[in-house]
Amino acid sequence: MIHLTEENFADAIEENELLIIDFWAEWCVPCKKFLPVLEMFDAEISDEGEIAVGKVNVDEMPDITATFEIDTIPAIVFVKNGEEVERLVGLQTKERLMATVEQLR
């Protein structure tokens, strides 16, 4: 999982055909509950190449958060070839994340 910052964000989008971005915050209880699901999901797809999972702390990266117009967290944004192609808001299951990746291939 990539900790996305202003410095590495553009490179992460360029280097990965599909970048799955988790927008979260330390104080967000649903975000904390979602973390183990996201970690299991990341472990399963990490071997598939050209797909990466990144995390954006909304409090630390307000410019990235504003660019994607995030107003509710957790929010999962799927970026394919540099363009947002899907967005899921709220707690998600690993199966839902995998189904979304399959749909976007």
C-alpha atoms as a PDB file:
ATOM      1  CA  MET A   1       0.000   0.000   0.000  1.00  0.00           C
ATOM      2  CA  ILE A   2       1.305   3.419  -0.944  1.00  0.00           C
ATOM      3  CA  HIS A   3       1.075   6.405   1.400  1.00  0.00           C
ATOM      4  CA  LEU A   4       0.145   9.045  -1.167  1.00  0.00           C
ATOM      5  CA  THR A   5       1.437  12.586  -0.779  1.00  0.00           C
ATOM      6  CA  GLU A   6       1.653  15.690  -2.948  1.00  0.00           C
ATOM      7  CA  GLU A   7       5.173  14.581  -3.889  1.00  0.00           C
ATOM      8  CA  ASN A   8       4.412  11.043  -5.102  1.00  0.00           C
ATOM      9  CA  PHE A   9       0.784  11.309  -6.233  1.00  0.00           C
ATOM     10  CA  ALA A  10       1.406  12.075  -9.926  1.00  0.00           C
ATOM     11  CA  ASP A  11       4.014   9.303 -10.171  1.00  0.00           C
ATOM     12  CA  ALA A  12       1.643   6.769  -8.573  1.00  0.00           C
ATOM     13  CA  ILE A  13      -1.058   7.593 -11.112  1.00  0.00           C
ATOM     14  CA  GLU A  14       1.403   7.419 -14.010  1.00  0.00           C
ATOM     15  CA  GLU A  15       3.059   4.164 -12.909  1.00  0.00           C
ATOM     16  CA  ASN A  16      -0.133   2.157 -12.352  1.00  0.00           C
ATOM     17  CA  GLU A  17      -2.766   1.266 -14.899  1.00  0.00           C
ATOM     18  CA  LEU A  18      -5.290   1.128 -12.034  1.00  0.00           C
ATOM     19  CA  LEU A  19      -4.749   3.031  -8.797  1.00  0.00           C
ATOM     20  CA  ILE A  20      -7.246   2.436  -6.008  1.00  0.00           C
ATOM     21  CA  ILE A  21      -7.188   5.360  -3.575  1.00  0.00           C
ATOM     22  CA  ASP A  22      -8.542   5.150  -0.033  1.00  0.00           C
ATOM     23  CA  PHE A  23      -9.373   8.589   1.395  1.00  0.00           C
ATOM     24  CA  TRP A  24      -9.338   8.363   5.181  1.00  0.00           C
ATOM     25  CA  ALA A  25      -8.545  10.155   8.468  1.00  0.00           C
ATOM     26  CA  GLU A  26      -7.153   9.134  11.859  1.00  0.00           C
ATOM     27  CA  TRP A  27     -10.330  10.235  13.655  1.00  0.00           C
ATOM     28  CA  CYS A  28     -12.677   8.311  11.307  1.00  0.00           C
ATOM     29  CA  VAL A  29     -14.026   5.198  13.055  1.00  0.00           C
ATOM     30  CA  PRO A  30     -15.409   3.615   9.844  1.00  0.00           C
ATOM     31  CA  CYS A  31     -11.993   4.184   8.229  1.00  0.00           C
ATOM     32  CA  LYS A  32     -10.336   2.239  11.044  1.00  0.00           C
ATOM     33  CA  LYS A  33     -12.855  -0.587  10.659  1.00  0.00           C
ATOM     34  CA  PHE A  34     -12.204  -0.647   6.901  1.00  0.00           C
ATOM     35  CA  LEU A  35      -8.397  -0.875   7.197  1.00  0.00           C
ATOM     36  CA  PRO A  36      -8.187  -4.691   7.701  1.00  0.00           C
ATOM     37  CA  VAL A  37     -10.448  -5.207   4.678  1.00  0.00           C
ATOM     38  CA  LEU A  38      -8.275  -2.911   2.590  1.00  0.00           C
ATOM     39  CA  GLU A  39      -5.108  -4.692   3.750  1.00  0.00           C
ATOM     40  CA  MET A  40      -6.521  -8.102   2.754  1.00  0.00           C
ATOM     41  CA  PHE A  41      -7.617  -6.677  -0.601  1.00  0.00           C
ATOM     42  CA  ASP A  42      -4.180  -5.145  -1.172  1.00  0.00           C
ATOM     43  CA  ALA A  43      -2.467  -8.453  -0.347  1.00  0.00           C
ATOM     44  CA  GLU A  44      -4.583 -10.259  -2.945  1.00  0.00           C
ATOM     45  CA  ILE A  45      -4.103  -7.803  -5.798  1.00  0.00           C
ATOM     46  CA  SER A  46      -0.493  -6.806  -5.120  1.00  0.00           C
ATOM     47  CA  ASP A  47       0.766  -9.629  -7.335  1.00  0.00           C
ATOM     48  CA  GLU A  48      -1.350  -8.605 -10.301  1.00  0.00           C
ATOM     49  CA  GLY A  49       0.999  -5.831 -11.485  1.00  0.00           C
ATOM     50  CA  GLU A  50      -0.050  -2.411 -12.756  1.00  0.00           C
ATOM     51  CA  ILE A  51      -2.640  -2.264  -9.944  1.00  0.00           C
ATOM     52  CA  ALA A  52      -1.840  -0.474  -6.709  1.00  0.00           C
ATOM     53  CA  VAL A  53      -3.643   0.630  -3.559  1.00  0.00           C
ATOM     54  CA  GLY A  54      -2.851   4.034  -2.116  1.00  0.00           C
ATOM     55  CA  LYS A  55      -4.004   5.897   0.950  1.00  0.00           C
ATOM     56  CA  VAL A  56      -4.648   9.634   1.234  1.00  0.00           C
ATOM     57  CA  ASN A  57      -5.040  11.127   4.693  1.00  0.00           C
ATOM     58  CA  VAL A  58      -7.618  13.863   4.079  1.00  0.00           C
ATOM     59  CA  ASP A  59      -6.270  16.002   6.930  1.00  0.00           C
ATOM     60  CA  GLU A  60      -2.677  15.873   5.696  1.00  0.00           C
ATOM     61  CA  MET A  61      -3.393  16.137   1.945  1.00  0.00           C
ATOM     62  CA  PRO A  62      -6.188  18.716   1.518  1.00  0.00           C
ATOM     63  CA  ASP A  63      -5.221  19.565  -2.068  1.00  0.00           C
ATOM     64  CA  ILE A  64      -5.552  15.960  -3.288  1.00  0.00           C
ATOM     65  CA  THR A  65      -8.769  15.624  -1.297  1.00  0.00           C
ATOM     66  CA  ALA A  66     -10.169  18.789  -2.871  1.00  0.00           C
ATOM     67  CA  THR A  67      -9.144  17.706  -6.374  1.00  0.00           C
ATOM     68  CA  PHE A  68     -11.310  14.605  -6.012  1.00  0.00           C
ATOM     69  CA  GLU A  69     -14.074  16.549  -4.219  1.00  0.00           C
ATOM     70  CA  ILE A  70     -14.091  14.137  -1.287  1.00  0.00           C
ATOM     71  CA  ASP A  71     -16.703  15.109   1.298  1.00  0.00           C
ATOM     72  CA  THR A  72     -17.421  11.738   2.938  1.00  0.00           C
ATOM     73  CA  ILE A  73     -14.942   9.147   4.161  1.00  0.00           C
ATOM     74  CA  PRO A  74     -14.027   6.436   3.783  1.00  0.00           C
ATOM     75  CA  ALA A  75     -14.118   6.965   0.042  1.00  0.00           C
ATOM     76  CA  ILE A  76     -12.486   4.650  -2.458  1.00  0.00           C
ATOM     77  CA  VAL A  77     -11.650   6.172  -5.835  1.00  0.00           C
ATOM     78  CA  PHE A  78     -10.571   4.009  -8.763  1.00  0.00           C
ATOM     79  CA  VAL A  79      -8.263   5.827 -11.187  1.00  0.00           C
ATOM     80  CA  LYS A  80      -7.568   4.094 -14.500  1.00  0.00           C
ATOM     81  CA  ASN A  81      -5.039   5.549 -16.910  1.00  0.00           C
ATOM     82  CA  GLY A  82      -5.133   8.818 -15.002  1.00  0.00           C
ATOM     83  CA  GLU A  83      -8.926   9.238 -14.965  1.00  0.00           C
ATOM     84  CA  GLU A  84     -11.425   8.537 -12.183  1.00  0.00           C
ATOM     85  CA  VAL A  85     -13.605   5.665 -13.364  1.00  0.00           C
ATOM     86  CA  GLU A  86     -15.437   4.574 -10.211  1.00  0.00           C
ATOM     87  CA  ARG A  87     -16.079   5.690  -6.641  1.00  0.00           C
ATOM     88  CA  LEU A  88     -17.336   3.789  -3.602  1.00  0.00           C
ATOM     89  CA  VAL A  89     -18.278   5.596  -0.400  1.00  0.00           C
ATOM     90  CA  GLY A  90     -18.563   4.067   3.062  1.00  0.00           C
ATOM     91  CA  LEU A  91     -17.504   0.689   4.373  1.00  0.00           C
ATOM     92  CA  GLN A  92     -16.931  -1.868   1.634  1.00  0.00           C
ATOM     93  CA  THR A  93     -16.270  -5.590   1.561  1.00  0.00           C
ATOM     94  CA  LYS A  94     -13.219  -7.152  -0.028  1.00  0.00           C
ATOM     95  CA  GLU A  95     -15.559  -8.917  -2.441  1.00  0.00           C
ATOM     96  CA  ARG A  96     -17.078  -5.598  -3.539  1.00  0.00           C
ATOM     97  CA  LEU A  97     -13.612  -4.159  -4.143  1.00  0.00           C
ATOM     98  CA  MET A  98     -12.569  -7.228  -6.148  1.00  0.00           C
ATOM     99  CA  ALA A  99     -15.779  -7.125  -8.202  1.00  0.00           C
ATOM    100  CA  THR A 100     -15.147  -3.468  -9.016  1.00  0.00           C
ATOM    101  CA  VAL A 101     -11.575  -4.221 -10.129  1.00  0.00           C
ATOM    102  CA  GLU A 102     -12.837  -7.054 -12.354  1.00  0.00           C
ATOM    103  CA  GLN A 103     -15.435  -4.747 -13.890  1.00  0.00           C
ATOM    104  CA  LEU A 104     -12.776  -2.132 -14.659  1.00  0.00           C
ATOM    105  CA  ARG A 105     -10.317  -4.469 -16.377  1.00  0.00           C
END
